[in-house]
Protein backbone atom coordinates (compact mmCIF):
# COMPACT_ATOMS: atom_id res chain seq x y z
CA MET A 1 0.08 -0.06 0.17
CA LEU A 2 2.84 2.66 0.51
CA SER A 3 4.62 1.58 -2.32
CA GLU A 4 1.33 2.74 -3.62
CA PHE A 5 1.26 5.82 -2.42
CA TYR A 6 5.16 6.76 -3.18
CA TRP A 7 4.26 5.51 -7.27
CA ARG A 8 1.73 7.80 -7.28
CA ILE A 9 4.09 10.60 -5.94
CA ASP A 10 6.52 9.73 -8.38
CA THR A 11 4.11 10.08 -11.13
CA LEU A 12 3.03 13.41 -10.33
CA ALA A 13 6.36 14.51 -9.71
CA GLN A 14 7.30 13.57 -13.40
CA TRP A 15 4.28 14.92 -14.81
CA ILE A 16 5.12 18.18 -13.24
CA PHE A 17 8.67 18.40 -14.59
CA GLU A 18 7.67 17.24 -18.06
CA ALA A 19 4.57 20.01 -18.40
CA LYS A 20 5.24 22.70 -20.68
CA HIS A 21 2.11 24.31 -19.49
CA LEU A 22 1.18 23.72 -15.69
CA VAL A 23 -2.10 24.96 -14.47
CA VAL A 24 -3.20 24.61 -10.88
CA PHE A 25 -6.54 25.11 -9.97
CA THR A 26 -7.45 25.87 -5.97
CA GLY A 27 -10.52 25.64 -3.93
CA ALA A 28 -11.57 25.91 -0.71
CA GLY A 29 -9.53 22.86 0.25
CA ILE A 30 -6.24 24.39 0.13
CA SER A 31 -6.82 26.94 3.30
CA THR A 32 -7.99 24.75 5.72
CA GLU A 33 -4.55 23.69 6.90
CA SER A 34 -4.28 27.51 7.42
CA GLY A 35 -7.42 27.60 9.75
CA LEU A 36 -10.16 28.65 7.59
CA PRO A 37 -12.98 25.96 7.10
CA ASP A 38 -14.04 24.56 3.51
CA PHE A 39 -18.03 24.09 2.14
CA ARG A 40 -18.74 20.76 2.04
CA GLY A 41 -15.92 19.21 4.35
CA PRO A 42 -17.14 17.24 7.59
CA ASP A 43 -17.15 20.36 9.49
CA GLY A 44 -17.82 22.76 6.46
CA ILE A 45 -19.80 25.69 6.24
CA TRP A 46 -22.71 24.18 4.15
CA THR A 47 -22.37 20.88 5.89
CA ARG A 48 -22.99 22.50 9.21
CA GLN A 49 -25.47 24.50 8.10
CA ALA A 50 -27.37 21.87 6.38
CA LYS A 51 -27.15 20.30 9.89
CA GLY A 52 -28.61 23.21 11.74
CA LEU A 53 -25.51 23.91 13.53
CA PRO A 54 -24.11 27.55 13.55
CA THR A 55 -21.01 28.22 11.27
CA LYS A 56 -17.86 29.02 12.70
CA PRO A 57 -16.60 32.66 12.07
CA ARG A 58 -13.72 33.06 8.98
CA ASP A 59 -11.39 35.92 10.17
CA PHE A 60 -8.83 36.07 7.03
CA SER A 61 -6.43 38.58 8.67
CA SER A 62 -5.17 36.06 11.17
CA VAL A 63 -4.38 33.03 8.85
CA GLU A 64 -0.85 32.30 6.85
CA PRO A 65 -0.12 30.62 3.82
CA ASN A 66 0.17 26.76 4.41
CA ALA A 67 2.64 24.50 2.97
CA SER A 68 0.37 23.72 -0.25
CA HIS A 69 0.52 27.59 -1.11
CA LEU A 70 4.28 27.57 -0.62
CA ALA A 71 4.48 24.66 -2.85
CA ILE A 72 2.75 26.38 -5.73
CA VAL A 73 5.26 29.26 -5.26
CA GLU A 74 8.10 27.20 -5.47
CA LEU A 75 6.62 25.77 -8.78
CA GLN A 76 6.18 29.81 -9.91
CA LYS A 77 9.97 30.12 -8.86
CA LEU A 78 10.97 27.13 -10.93
CA GLY A 79 9.81 28.77 -14.01
CA LYS A 80 7.06 25.63 -14.06
CA LEU A 81 3.75 27.64 -13.23
CA SER A 82 2.44 28.91 -16.12
CA PHE A 83 -1.08 30.11 -14.57
CA LEU A 84 -3.13 29.43 -11.23
CA ILE A 85 -6.56 29.35 -10.99
CA SER A 86 -8.46 29.84 -7.87
CA GLN A 87 -11.80 29.73 -6.24
CA ASN A 88 -10.79 31.23 -3.09
CA VAL A 89 -11.60 34.83 -1.68
CA ASP A 90 -9.14 34.71 1.32
CA ASN A 91 -6.10 36.38 -0.48
CA LEU A 92 -3.34 33.76 0.62
CA HIS A 93 -2.04 32.97 -2.90
CA LEU A 94 -1.05 36.25 -3.07
CA ARG A 95 0.18 36.82 0.25
CA SER A 96 2.16 33.41 -0.27
CA GLY A 97 4.03 35.12 -3.14
CA ILE A 98 2.28 34.24 -6.55
CA ARG A 99 2.66 37.08 -9.04
CA PRO A 100 -0.91 38.74 -9.41
CA ASP A 101 -0.07 38.21 -13.23
CA LEU A 102 -0.28 34.43 -13.01
CA LEU A 103 -3.44 34.51 -10.79
CA ALA A 104 -7.06 34.70 -11.89
CA GLU A 105 -9.42 34.76 -8.55
CA LEU A 106 -12.59 33.28 -9.78
CA HIS A 107 -14.32 34.43 -6.86
CA GLY A 108 -12.92 37.62 -5.81
CA ASN A 109 -10.63 38.67 -3.18
CA VAL A 110 -11.91 39.84 0.43
CA THR A 111 -9.01 42.47 0.21
CA LYS A 112 -9.75 43.95 -3.34
CA LEU A 113 -12.71 46.09 -4.68
CA ARG A 114 -13.50 45.72 -8.59
CA CYS A 115 -14.77 48.65 -10.61
CA THR A 116 -18.94 47.67 -11.74
CA ARG A 117 -17.60 49.10 -14.86
CA CYS A 118 -14.13 48.15 -16.14
CA GLU A 119 -13.55 45.34 -13.64
CA ALA A 120 -10.33 47.20 -12.59
CA GLN A 121 -9.15 46.19 -9.23
CA VAL A 122 -7.88 48.26 -6.51
CA ASP A 123 -6.96 47.31 -2.69
CA LYS A 124 -9.80 47.98 -0.08
CA SER A 125 -7.10 49.96 1.84
CA ALA A 126 -6.80 52.90 -0.39
CA ASN A 127 -10.34 53.76 0.68
CA MET A 128 -11.69 54.60 -2.88
CA ASP A 129 -15.26 54.44 -3.88
CA LYS A 130 -14.68 55.45 -7.40
CA CYS A 131 -12.32 54.17 -10.35
CA SER A 132 -10.20 56.18 -12.68
CA CYS A 133 -12.72 55.26 -15.40
CA GLY A 134 -15.62 56.87 -13.28
CA GLY A 135 -16.94 53.78 -12.12
CA ARG A 136 -18.60 52.40 -8.81
CA LEU A 137 -15.93 50.47 -6.43
CA ALA A 138 -17.51 47.42 -5.03
CA SER A 139 -16.16 43.98 -3.19
CA SER A 140 -14.76 42.11 -5.71
CA VAL A 141 -16.31 38.72 -3.60
CA VAL A 142 -18.63 37.01 -6.24
CA ASP A 143 -21.85 36.34 -4.36
CA PHE A 144 -24.56 33.55 -5.65
CA GLY A 145 -26.49 34.88 -8.63
CA GLN A 146 -23.50 37.51 -9.69
CA SER A 147 -21.20 36.91 -12.60
CA LEU A 148 -17.55 35.68 -12.70
CA PRO A 149 -15.33 38.34 -13.01
CA GLN A 150 -14.71 38.27 -17.24
CA LYS A 151 -11.12 38.63 -17.69
CA GLU A 152 -10.32 36.37 -15.01
CA LEU A 153 -12.99 34.16 -16.26
CA ALA A 154 -11.35 34.03 -19.96
CA ASP A 155 -8.00 33.81 -19.03
CA SER A 156 -8.76 30.93 -16.98
CA TYR A 157 -10.32 29.33 -20.50
CA TRP A 158 -7.27 30.30 -22.08
CA HIS A 159 -5.12 28.56 -19.65
């Protein structure tokens, strides 16, 4: 059984080494090691809601990137990472050192505002309410029923 595990790890490492255009896609599970709950896991947000249990608060400011985030940064440093697509809004990929031009945050980012007209993003800390194009700045986090940001979606499809 253990030899099967090591064979799988070796195979994955070989695939990554040989990859010509490596794209990584992450979701809530990557941040659970950092202390953020996922959605559908045994103690996930939606699992708890379905059981009538209160959800645990998410404090994005108190968590740090974990070994999984840092492993993706290593792929970037090695020149192997072509693009990273994330459904996470926790800002941990950027805090870990991922270059913004290699990242599509499909569901937004809790630290960013997005222009409702041109989709440009600015840091919330800039305390702006209008974009340079004149559009209104709003939270970049995508809620149910809202469209995904067009640039990030197009870049993801391309990669």
